[in-house]
PDB file of all heavy atoms in Angstrom:
ATOM      1  N   GLY A   1     -22.413  26.957 -32.238  1.00  0.00           N
ATOM      2  CA  GLY A   1     -22.015  27.608 -30.987  1.00  0.00           C
ATOM      3  C   GLY A   1     -23.118  27.615 -29.960  1.00  0.00           C
ATOM      4  O   GLY A   1     -22.900  27.295 -28.785  1.00  0.00           O
ATOM      5  N   TYR A   2     -24.323  27.951 -30.382  1.00  0.00           N
ATOM      6  CA  TYR A   2     -25.450  27.961 -29.480  1.00  0.00           C
ATOM      7  C   TYR A   2     -25.735  26.562 -28.937  1.00  0.00           C
ATOM      8  O   TYR A   2     -25.918  26.357 -27.728  1.00  0.00           O
ATOM      9  CB  TYR A   2     -26.715  28.495 -30.178  1.00  0.00           C
ATOM     10  CG  TYR A   2     -27.937  28.423 -29.331  1.00  0.00           C
ATOM     11  CD1 TYR A   2     -28.196  29.393 -28.366  1.00  0.00           C
ATOM     12  CD2 TYR A   2     -28.840  27.364 -29.461  1.00  0.00           C
ATOM     13  CE1 TYR A   2     -29.328  29.314 -27.555  1.00  0.00           C
ATOM     14  CE2 TYR A   2     -29.966  27.276 -28.655  1.00  0.00           C
ATOM     15  CZ  TYR A   2     -30.198  28.258 -27.702  1.00  0.00           C
ATOM     16  OH  TYR A   2     -31.315  28.166 -26.904  1.00  0.00           O
ATOM     17  N   GLU A   3     -25.724  25.577 -29.819  1.00  0.00           N
ATOM     18  CA  GLU A   3     -26.023  24.206 -29.430  1.00  0.00           C
ATOM     19  C   GLU A   3     -25.013  23.679 -28.394  1.00  0.00           C
ATOM     20  O   GLU A   3     -25.395  23.127 -27.363  1.00  0.00           O
ATOM     21  CB  GLU A   3     -26.049  23.286 -30.660  1.00  0.00           C
ATOM     22  CG  GLU A   3     -26.422  21.864 -30.353  1.00  0.00           C
ATOM     23  CD  GLU A   3     -27.803  21.695 -29.774  1.00  0.00           C
ATOM     24  OE1 GLU A   3     -28.738  22.422 -30.183  1.00  0.00           O
ATOM     25  OE2 GLU A   3     -27.956  20.821 -28.889  1.00  0.00           O
ATOM     26  N   LEU A   4     -23.724  23.858 -28.680  1.00  0.00           N
ATOM     27  CA  LEU A   4     -22.712  23.350 -27.758  1.00  0.00           C
ATOM     28  C   LEU A   4     -22.657  24.151 -26.467  1.00  0.00           C
ATOM     29  O   LEU A   4     -22.479  23.580 -25.383  1.00  0.00           O
ATOM     30  CB  LEU A   4     -21.347  23.260 -28.430  1.00  0.00           C
ATOM     31  CG  LEU A   4     -21.206  22.148 -29.457  1.00  0.00           C
ATOM     32  CD1 LEU A   4     -19.813  22.156 -30.049  1.00  0.00           C
ATOM     33  CD2 LEU A   4     -21.526  20.788 -28.865  1.00  0.00           C
ATOM     34  N   THR A   5     -22.820  25.473 -26.547  1.00  0.00           N
ATOM     35  CA  THR A   5     -22.838  26.276 -25.317  1.00  0.00           C
ATOM     36  C   THR A   5     -23.996  25.862 -24.419  1.00  0.00           C
ATOM     37  O   THR A   5     -23.822  25.729 -23.196  1.00  0.00           O
ATOM     38  CB  THR A   5     -22.913  27.790 -25.674  1.00  0.00           C
ATOM     39  OG1 THR A   5     -21.771  28.129 -26.458  1.00  0.00           O
ATOM     40  CG2 THR A   5     -22.941  28.632 -24.396  1.00  0.00           C
ATOM     41  N   THR A   6     -25.140  25.617 -25.014  1.00  0.00           N
ATOM     42  CA  THR A   6     -26.303  25.147 -24.239  1.00  0.00           C
ATOM     43  C   THR A   6     -25.983  23.810 -23.568  1.00  0.00           C
ATOM     44  O   THR A   6     -26.329  23.611 -22.389  1.00  0.00           O
ATOM     45  CB  THR A   6     -27.532  25.019 -25.147  1.00  0.00           C
ATOM     46  OG1 THR A   6     -27.820  26.308 -25.709  1.00  0.00           O
ATOM     47  CG2 THR A   6     -28.745  24.520 -24.394  1.00  0.00           C
ATOM     48  N   ARG A   7     -25.322  22.928 -24.278  1.00  0.00           N
ATOM     49  CA  ARG A   7     -24.966  21.617 -23.697  1.00  0.00           C
ATOM     50  C   ARG A   7     -23.960  21.781 -22.540  1.00  0.00           C
ATOM     51  O   ARG A   7     -24.065  21.102 -21.523  1.00  0.00           O
ATOM     52  CB  ARG A   7     -24.405  20.700 -24.784  1.00  0.00           C
ATOM     53  CG  ARG A   7     -25.469  20.291 -25.789  1.00  0.00           C
ATOM     54  CD  ARG A   7     -24.893  19.531 -26.960  1.00  0.00           C
ATOM     55  NE  ARG A   7     -25.886  19.327 -27.999  1.00  0.00           N
ATOM     56  CZ  ARG A   7     -26.024  18.206 -28.690  1.00  0.00           C
ATOM     57  NH1 ARG A   7     -25.203  17.189 -28.489  1.00  0.00           N
ATOM     58  NH2 ARG A   7     -26.948  18.119 -29.615  1.00  0.00           N
ATOM     59  N   PHE A   8     -22.986  22.679 -22.719  1.00  0.00           N
ATOM     60  CA  PHE A   8     -22.029  22.913 -21.637  1.00  0.00           C
ATOM     61  C   PHE A   8     -22.713  23.514 -20.420  1.00  0.00           C
ATOM     62  O   PHE A   8     -22.401  23.174 -19.278  1.00  0.00           O
ATOM     63  CB  PHE A   8     -20.877  23.801 -22.103  1.00  0.00           C
ATOM     64  CG  PHE A   8     -19.737  23.029 -22.725  1.00  0.00           C
ATOM     65  CD1 PHE A   8     -19.626  22.973 -24.099  1.00  0.00           C
ATOM     66  CD2 PHE A   8     -18.834  22.361 -21.952  1.00  0.00           C
ATOM     67  CE1 PHE A   8     -18.597  22.247 -24.697  1.00  0.00           C
ATOM     68  CE2 PHE A   8     -17.784  21.623 -22.519  1.00  0.00           C
ATOM     69  CZ  PHE A   8     -17.680  21.572 -23.900  1.00  0.00           C
ATOM     70  N   LEU A   9     -23.645  24.431 -20.642  1.00  0.00           N
ATOM     71  CA  LEU A   9     -24.380  25.022 -19.498  1.00  0.00           C
ATOM     72  C   LEU A   9     -25.188  23.961 -18.781  1.00  0.00           C
ATOM     73  O   LEU A   9     -25.296  24.001 -17.549  1.00  0.00           O
ATOM     74  CB  LEU A   9     -25.260  26.175 -19.984  1.00  0.00           C
ATOM     75  CG  LEU A   9     -24.491  27.417 -20.423  1.00  0.00           C
ATOM     76  CD1 LEU A   9     -25.437  28.434 -21.061  1.00  0.00           C
ATOM     77  CD2 LEU A   9     -23.748  28.032 -19.254  1.00  0.00           C
ATOM     78  N   HIS A  10     -25.722  23.003 -19.504  1.00  0.00           N
ATOM     79  CA  HIS A  10     -26.452  21.907 -18.892  1.00  0.00           C
ATOM     80  C   HIS A  10     -25.522  21.062 -18.006  1.00  0.00           C
ATOM     81  O   HIS A  10     -25.859  20.710 -16.881  1.00  0.00           O
ATOM     82  CB  HIS A  10     -27.111  21.052 -19.969  1.00  0.00           C
ATOM     83  CG  HIS A  10     -27.956  19.951 -19.448  1.00  0.00           C
ATOM     84  ND1 HIS A  10     -29.187  20.141 -18.852  1.00  0.00           N
ATOM     85  CD2 HIS A  10     -27.747  18.614 -19.404  1.00  0.00           C
ATOM     86  CE1 HIS A  10     -29.675  18.982 -18.484  1.00  0.00           C
ATOM     87  NE2 HIS A  10     -28.828  18.040 -18.804  1.00  0.00           N
ATOM     88  N   VAL A  11     -24.327  20.766 -18.521  1.00  0.00           N
ATOM     89  CA  VAL A  11     -23.332  20.021 -17.737  1.00  0.00           C
ATOM     90  C   VAL A  11     -22.981  20.799 -16.450  1.00  0.00           C
ATOM     91  O   VAL A  11     -22.961  20.238 -15.359  1.00  0.00           O
ATOM     92  CB  VAL A  11     -22.055  19.770 -18.572  1.00  0.00           C
ATOM     93  CG1 VAL A  11     -20.892  19.272 -17.697  1.00  0.00           C
ATOM     94  CG2 VAL A  11     -22.339  18.765 -19.699  1.00  0.00           C
ATOM     95  N   MET A  12     -22.743  22.093 -16.600  1.00  0.00           N
ATOM     96  CA  MET A  12     -22.382  22.909 -15.452  1.00  0.00           C
ATOM     97  C   MET A  12     -23.522  22.977 -14.426  1.00  0.00           C
ATOM     98  O   MET A  12     -23.268  22.893 -13.218  1.00  0.00           O
ATOM     99  CB  MET A  12     -21.993  24.318 -15.909  1.00  0.00           C
ATOM    100  CG  MET A  12     -20.715  24.336 -16.736  1.00  0.00           C
ATOM    101  SD  MET A  12     -20.424  25.880 -17.622  1.00  0.00           S
ATOM    102  CE  MET A  12     -20.245  27.014 -16.287  1.00  0.00           C
ATOM    103  N   SER A  13     -24.745  23.078 -14.887  1.00  0.00           N
ATOM    104  CA  SER A  13     -25.904  23.115 -13.991  1.00  0.00           C
ATOM    105  C   SER A  13     -26.025  21.800 -13.235  1.00  0.00           C
ATOM    106  O   SER A  13     -26.261  21.794 -12.024  1.00  0.00           O
ATOM    107  CB  SER A  13     -27.165  23.394 -14.799  1.00  0.00           C
ATOM    108  OG  SER A  13     -28.307  23.304 -13.979  1.00  0.00           O
ATOM    109  N   ASN A  14     -25.871  20.680 -13.930  1.00  0.00           N
ATOM    110  CA  ASN A  14     -25.925  19.379 -13.267  1.00  0.00           C
ATOM    111  C   ASN A  14     -24.843  19.228 -12.203  1.00  0.00           C
ATOM    112  O   ASN A  14     -25.088  18.704 -11.122  1.00  0.00           O
ATOM    113  CB  ASN A  14     -25.823  18.250 -14.286  1.00  0.00           C
ATOM    114  CG  ASN A  14     -27.067  18.084 -15.112  1.00  0.00           C
ATOM    115  OD1 ASN A  14     -28.147  18.580 -14.768  1.00  0.00           O
ATOM    116  ND2 ASN A  14     -26.948  17.403 -16.242  1.00  0.00           N
ATOM    117  N   ARG A  15     -23.648  19.708 -12.522  1.00  0.00           N
ATOM    118  CA  ARG A  15     -22.549  19.596 -11.553  1.00  0.00           C
ATOM    119  C   ARG A  15     -22.788  20.510 -10.347  1.00  0.00           C
ATOM    120  O   ARG A  15     -22.462  20.139  -9.204  1.00  0.00           O
ATOM    121  CB  ARG A  15     -21.212  19.897 -12.222  1.00  0.00           C
ATOM    122  CG  ARG A  15     -20.887  18.794 -13.196  1.00  0.00           C
ATOM    123  CD  ARG A  15     -19.450  18.669 -13.516  1.00  0.00           C
ATOM    124  NE  ARG A  15     -19.298  17.566 -14.470  1.00  0.00           N
ATOM    125  CZ  ARG A  15     -18.518  17.609 -15.535  1.00  0.00           C
ATOM    126  NH1 ARG A  15     -17.792  18.677 -15.770  1.00  0.00           N
ATOM    127  NH2 ARG A  15     -18.467  16.576 -16.347  1.00  0.00           N
ATOM    128  N   LEU A  16     -23.329  21.680 -10.567  1.00  0.00           N
ATOM    129  CA  LEU A  16     -23.658  22.577  -9.465  1.00  0.00           C
ATOM    130  C   LEU A  16     -24.717  21.942  -8.569  1.00  0.00           C
ATOM    131  O   LEU A  16     -24.608  21.994  -7.338  1.00  0.00           O
ATOM    132  CB  LEU A  16     -24.133  23.928  -9.999  1.00  0.00           C
ATOM    133  CG  LEU A  16     -24.496  24.968  -8.948  1.00  0.00           C
ATOM    134  CD1 LEU A  16     -23.292  25.288  -8.062  1.00  0.00           C
ATOM    135  CD2 LEU A  16     -24.989  26.231  -9.644  1.00  0.00           C
ATOM    136  N   GLN A  17     -25.732  21.354  -9.146  1.00  0.00           N
ATOM    137  CA  GLN A  17     -26.772  20.678  -8.353  1.00  0.00           C
ATOM    138  C   GLN A  17     -26.194  19.518  -7.570  1.00  0.00           C
ATOM    139  O   GLN A  17     -26.525  19.320  -6.392  1.00  0.00           O
ATOM    140  CB  GLN A  17     -27.932  20.217  -9.234  1.00  0.00           C
ATOM    141  CG  GLN A  17     -28.765  21.329  -9.795  1.00  0.00           C
ATOM    142  CD  GLN A  17     -29.436  22.146  -8.704  1.00  0.00           C
ATOM    143  OE1 GLN A  17     -29.764  21.661  -7.628  1.00  0.00           O
ATOM    144  NE2 GLN A  17     -29.599  23.424  -8.957  1.00  0.00           N
ATOM    145  N   ALA A  18     -25.319  18.744  -8.186  1.00  0.00           N
ATOM    146  CA  ALA A  18     -24.701  17.610  -7.487  1.00  0.00           C
ATOM    147  C   ALA A  18     -23.851  18.098  -6.316  1.00  0.00           C
ATOM    148  O   ALA A  18     -23.889  17.513  -5.223  1.00  0.00           O
ATOM    149  CB  ALA A  18     -23.853  16.791  -8.453  1.00  0.00           C
ATOM    150  N   ALA A  19     -23.127  19.204  -6.517  1.00  0.00           N
ATOM    151  CA  ALA A  19     -22.309  19.773  -5.430  1.00  0.00           C
ATOM    152  C   ALA A  19     -23.204  20.274  -4.294  1.00  0.00           C
ATOM    153  O   ALA A  19     -22.891  20.093  -3.112  1.00  0.00           O
ATOM    154  CB  ALA A  19     -21.442  20.907  -5.961  1.00  0.00           C
ATOM    155  N   ARG A  20     -24.331  20.884  -4.648  1.00  0.00           N
ATOM    156  CA  ARG A  20     -25.250  21.376  -3.625  1.00  0.00           C
ATOM    157  C   ARG A  20     -25.797  20.210  -2.809  1.00  0.00           C
ATOM    158  O   ARG A  20     -25.889  20.295  -1.588  1.00  0.00           O
ATOM    159  CB  ARG A  20     -26.403  22.127  -4.317  1.00  0.00           C
ATOM    160  CG  ARG A  20     -27.315  22.854  -3.370  1.00  0.00           C
ATOM    161  CD  ARG A  20     -28.324  23.697  -4.128  1.00  0.00           C
ATOM    162  NE  ARG A  20     -29.253  22.857  -4.871  1.00  0.00           N
ATOM    163  CZ  ARG A  20     -30.429  22.480  -4.419  1.00  0.00           C
ATOM    164  NH1 ARG A  20     -30.839  22.879  -3.236  1.00  0.00           N
ATOM    165  NH2 ARG A  20     -31.214  21.748  -5.160  1.00  0.00           N
ATOM    166  N   HIS A  21     -26.129  19.099  -3.446  1.00  0.00           N
ATOM    167  CA  HIS A  21     -26.630  17.931  -2.720  1.00  0.00           C
ATOM    168  C   HIS A  21     -25.541  17.330  -1.825  1.00  0.00           C
ATOM    169  O   HIS A  21     -25.832  16.928  -0.691  1.00  0.00           O
ATOM    170  CB  HIS A  21     -27.163  16.885  -3.696  1.00  0.00           C
ATOM    171  CG  HIS A  21     -28.437  17.282  -4.349  1.00  0.00           C
ATOM    172  ND1 HIS A  21     -29.643  17.371  -3.680  1.00  0.00           N
ATOM    173  CD2 HIS A  21     -28.696  17.670  -5.622  1.00  0.00           C
ATOM    174  CE1 HIS A  21     -30.591  17.796  -4.507  1.00  0.00           C
ATOM    175  NE2 HIS A  21     -30.029  17.970  -5.696  1.00  0.00           N
ATOM    176  N   ARG A  22     -24.306  17.270  -2.316  1.00  0.00           N
ATOM    177  CA  ARG A  22     -23.208  16.755  -1.489  1.00  0.00           C
ATOM    178  C   ARG A  22     -22.984  17.647  -0.281  1.00  0.00           C
ATOM    179  O   ARG A  22     -22.743  17.160   0.831  1.00  0.00           O
ATOM    180  CB  ARG A  22     -21.912  16.613  -2.311  1.00  0.00           C
ATOM    181  CG  ARG A  22     -21.907  15.408  -3.218  1.00  0.00           C
ATOM    182  CD  ARG A  22     -20.530  15.134  -3.803  1.00  0.00           C
ATOM    183  NE  ARG A  22     -19.949  16.266  -4.507  1.00  0.00           N
ATOM    184  CZ  ARG A  22     -20.225  16.590  -5.771  1.00  0.00           C
ATOM    185  NH1 ARG A  22     -21.075  15.869  -6.471  1.00  0.00           N
ATOM    186  NH2 ARG A  22     -19.650  17.634  -6.330  1.00  0.00           N
ATOM    187  N   LEU A  23     -23.064  18.962  -0.464  1.00  0.00           N
ATOM    188  CA  LEU A  23     -22.904  19.896   0.645  1.00  0.00           C
ATOM    189  C   LEU A  23     -24.023  19.716   1.676  1.00  0.00           C
ATOM    190  O   LEU A  23     -23.765  19.693   2.884  1.00  0.00           O
ATOM    191  CB  LEU A  23     -22.863  21.344   0.138  1.00  0.00           C
ATOM    192  CG  LEU A  23     -22.700  22.429   1.194  1.00  0.00           C
ATOM    193  CD1 LEU A  23     -21.414  22.226   1.992  1.00  0.00           C
ATOM    194  CD2 LEU A  23     -22.715  23.791   0.522  1.00  0.00           C
ATOM    195  N   ALA A  24     -25.250  19.568   1.216  1.00  0.00           N
ATOM    196  CA  ALA A  24     -26.377  19.358   2.132  1.00  0.00           C
ATOM    197  C   ALA A  24     -26.191  18.049   2.893  1.00  0.00           C
ATOM    198  O   ALA A  24     -26.434  17.992   4.117  1.00  0.00           O
ATOM    199  CB  ALA A  24     -27.698  19.354   1.355  1.00  0.00           C
ATOM    200  N   ASP A  25     -25.743  16.984   2.216  1.00  0.00           N
ATOM    201  CA  ASP A  25     -25.491  15.708   2.893  1.00  0.00           C
ATOM    202  C   ASP A  25     -24.402  15.856   3.950  1.00  0.00           C
ATOM    203  O   ASP A  25     -24.515  15.324   5.062  1.00  0.00           O
ATOM    204  CB  ASP A  25     -25.083  14.627   1.878  1.00  0.00           C
ATOM    205  CG  ASP A  25     -26.213  14.197   0.977  1.00  0.00           C
ATOM    206  OD1 ASP A  25     -27.403  14.508   1.296  1.00  0.00           O
ATOM    207  OD2 ASP A  25     -25.915  13.574  -0.063  1.00  0.00           O
ATOM    208  N   PHE A  26     -23.345  16.601   3.607  1.00  0.00           N
ATOM    209  CA  PHE A  26     -22.258  16.841   4.551  1.00  0.00           C
ATOM    210  C   PHE A  26     -22.756  17.589   5.774  1.00  0.00           C
ATOM    211  O   PHE A  26     -22.423  17.248   6.903  1.00  0.00           O
ATOM    212  CB  PHE A  26     -21.114  17.602   3.861  1.00  0.00           C
ATOM    213  CG  PHE A  26     -20.052  18.050   4.836  1.00  0.00           C
ATOM    214  CD1 PHE A  26     -19.107  17.141   5.286  1.00  0.00           C
ATOM    215  CD2 PHE A  26     -19.993  19.355   5.267  1.00  0.00           C
ATOM    216  CE1 PHE A  26     -18.130  17.530   6.182  1.00  0.00           C
ATOM    217  CE2 PHE A  26     -19.022  19.761   6.165  1.00  0.00           C
ATOM    218  CZ  PHE A  26     -18.078  18.834   6.618  1.00  0.00           C
ATOM    219  N   GLN A  27     -23.556  18.617   5.544  1.00  0.00           N
ATOM    220  CA  GLN A  27     -24.072  19.392   6.667  1.00  0.00           C
ATOM    221  C   GLN A  27     -24.967  18.545   7.570  1.00  0.00           C
ATOM    222  O   GLN A  27     -24.878  18.647   8.789  1.00  0.00           O
ATOM    223  CB  GLN A  27     -24.837  20.617   6.174  1.00  0.00           C
ATOM    224  CG  GLN A  27     -23.920  21.692   5.628  1.00  0.00           C
ATOM    225  CD  GLN A  27     -24.681  22.918   5.180  1.00  0.00           C
ATOM    226  OE1 GLN A  27     -25.771  22.805   4.639  1.00  0.00           O
ATOM    227  NE2 GLN A  27     -24.088  24.076   5.398  1.00  0.00           N
ATOM    228  N   ARG A  28     -25.807  17.703   6.985  1.00  0.00           N
ATOM    229  CA  ARG A  28     -26.668  16.837   7.781  1.00  0.00           C
ATOM    230  C   ARG A  28     -25.811  15.852   8.592  1.00  0.00           C
ATOM    231  O   ARG A  28     -26.060  15.623   9.764  1.00  0.00           O
ATOM    232  CB  ARG A  28     -27.638  16.059   6.880  1.00  0.00           C
ATOM    233  CG  ARG A  28     -28.873  16.838   6.539  1.00  0.00           C
ATOM    234  CD  ARG A  28     -29.945  15.921   5.904  1.00  0.00           C
ATOM    235  NE  ARG A  28     -29.542  15.421   4.601  1.00  0.00           N
ATOM    236  CZ  ARG A  28     -29.639  16.112   3.471  1.00  0.00           C
ATOM    237  NH1 ARG A  28     -30.117  17.323   3.479  1.00  0.00           N
ATOM    238  NH2 ARG A  28     -29.244  15.583   2.325  1.00  0.00           N
ATOM    239  N   ALA A  29     -24.801  15.258   7.953  1.00  0.00           N
ATOM    240  CA  ALA A  29     -23.968  14.272   8.632  1.00  0.00           C
ATOM    241  C   ALA A  29     -23.142  14.896   9.756  1.00  0.00           C
ATOM    242  O   ALA A  29     -22.874  14.258  10.759  1.00  0.00           O
ATOM    243  CB  ALA A  29     -23.035  13.593   7.619  1.00  0.00           C
ATOM    244  N   SER A  30     -22.757  16.151   9.581  1.00  0.00           N
ATOM    245  CA  SER A  30     -21.905  16.798  10.603  1.00  0.00           C
ATOM    246  C   SER A  30     -22.715  17.548  11.657  1.00  0.00           C
ATOM    247  O   SER A  30     -22.141  18.056  12.613  1.00  0.00           O
ATOM    248  CB  SER A  30     -20.912  17.753   9.941  1.00  0.00           C
ATOM    249  OG  SER A  30     -21.612  18.820   9.321  1.00  0.00           O
ATOM    250  N   GLY A  31     -24.031  17.622  11.454  1.00  0.00           N
ATOM    251  CA  GLY A  31     -24.877  18.300  12.436  1.00  0.00           C
ATOM    252  C   GLY A  31     -24.882  19.811  12.294  1.00  0.00           C
ATOM    253  O   GLY A  31     -25.486  20.495  13.130  1.00  0.00           O
TER     254      GLY A  31
END
């Protein structure tokens, strides 16, 4: 349980970071 939960949290963290980068790119592109 600990091992898989840690892996899922890693996936979620990576997706959150990717979304944050896409949002920053969108904001830069839209001014």
